[in-house]
Amino acid sequence: MTDWNYTANALIPDGENLPPNVRRYAAILAYDGTGYSGFQRQKHSLTIQHELETALSNVADTPITLLPSGRTD
């Protein structure tokens, strides 16, 4: 085992586990982006990430923040 501190989106070293009560989920998402300014959150534009975080937060009854990544090429 190594001496490491968990942070969101951290690479977990071999032999280590997530801390208790921490979960990670992955999803493949398809959407029609018409009317949105892309996926990732922007200060002055409506985005898919904002809509998805709002919906998930309502279902979970706690704030949900997504850490999106992806490529379009």
Protein backbone atom coordinates (compact mmCIF):
# COMPACT_ATOMS: atom_id res chain seq x y z
CA MET A 1 0.00 0.00 0.00
CA THR A 2 1.10 3.56 -0.67
CA ASP A 3 0.58 6.81 1.21
CA TRP A 4 -1.93 8.70 -0.93
CA ASN A 5 -4.87 11.06 -0.45
CA TYR A 6 -8.05 10.63 -2.44
CA THR A 7 -9.21 13.56 -4.56
CA ALA A 8 -12.06 13.61 -7.06
CA ASN A 9 -10.96 12.19 -10.41
CA ALA A 10 -7.76 10.80 -8.86
CA LEU A 11 -5.99 7.78 -10.27
CA ILE A 12 -6.19 5.04 -7.65
CA PRO A 13 -2.81 3.33 -7.13
CA ASP A 14 -2.61 -0.46 -7.44
CA GLY A 15 -3.56 -2.11 -4.18
CA GLU A 16 -5.61 0.88 -2.96
CA ASN A 17 -9.38 1.28 -2.77
CA LEU A 18 -11.79 4.18 -2.79
CA PRO A 19 -12.53 5.56 0.67
CA PRO A 20 -15.72 4.26 2.33
CA ASN A 21 -18.93 5.82 0.96
CA VAL A 22 -17.19 7.16 -2.17
CA ARG A 23 -18.63 5.97 -5.46
CA ARG A 24 -17.66 6.56 -9.06
CA TYR A 25 -19.99 6.05 -11.98
CA ALA A 26 -19.42 6.11 -15.70
CA ALA A 27 -22.06 6.78 -18.32
CA ILE A 28 -22.31 6.93 -22.06
CA LEU A 29 -24.62 9.76 -22.98
CA ALA A 30 -26.20 10.71 -26.29
CA TYR A 31 -28.22 13.89 -26.70
CA ASP A 32 -29.57 16.42 -29.16
CA GLY A 33 -27.62 19.58 -28.39
CA THR A 34 -29.92 21.90 -30.31
CA GLY A 35 -30.58 24.91 -28.13
CA TYR A 36 -27.54 24.31 -25.91
CA SER A 37 -24.03 25.75 -25.98
CA GLY A 38 -22.16 22.47 -25.83
CA PHE A 39 -21.85 19.94 -23.05
CA GLN A 40 -19.51 21.41 -20.45
CA ARG A 41 -20.67 24.11 -18.05
CA GLN A 42 -20.26 27.74 -19.14
CA LYS A 43 -20.95 30.86 -17.09
CA HIS A 44 -23.40 32.57 -19.45
CA SER A 45 -24.84 29.77 -21.56
CA LEU A 46 -27.23 26.87 -21.09
CA THR A 47 -25.37 23.55 -21.34
CA ILE A 48 -26.13 19.85 -21.17
CA GLN A 49 -23.90 19.49 -18.10
CA HIS A 50 -25.98 22.07 -16.20
CA GLU A 51 -29.23 20.34 -17.12
CA LEU A 52 -27.88 16.89 -16.21
CA GLU A 53 -26.43 18.06 -12.87
CA THR A 54 -29.73 19.73 -12.02
CA ALA A 55 -31.73 16.59 -12.83
CA LEU A 56 -29.37 14.24 -10.97
CA SER A 57 -29.26 16.57 -7.96
CA ASN A 58 -33.06 16.57 -7.81
CA VAL A 59 -33.22 12.77 -7.91
CA ALA A 60 -30.40 12.31 -5.36
CA ASP A 61 -31.64 15.17 -3.15
CA THR A 62 -28.04 16.35 -2.82
CA PRO A 63 -25.78 18.48 -5.06
CA ILE A 64 -24.20 16.45 -7.87
CA THR A 65 -21.20 17.75 -9.80
CA LEU A 66 -20.09 16.01 -12.97
CA LEU A 67 -16.47 15.77 -14.09
CA PRO A 68 -16.99 15.30 -17.83
CA SER A 69 -14.39 14.30 -20.35
CA GLY A 70 -14.62 13.28 -23.91
CA ARG A 71 -13.42 13.77 -27.44
CA THR A 72 -15.25 14.62 -30.60
CA ASP A 73 -12.60 13.70 -33.15
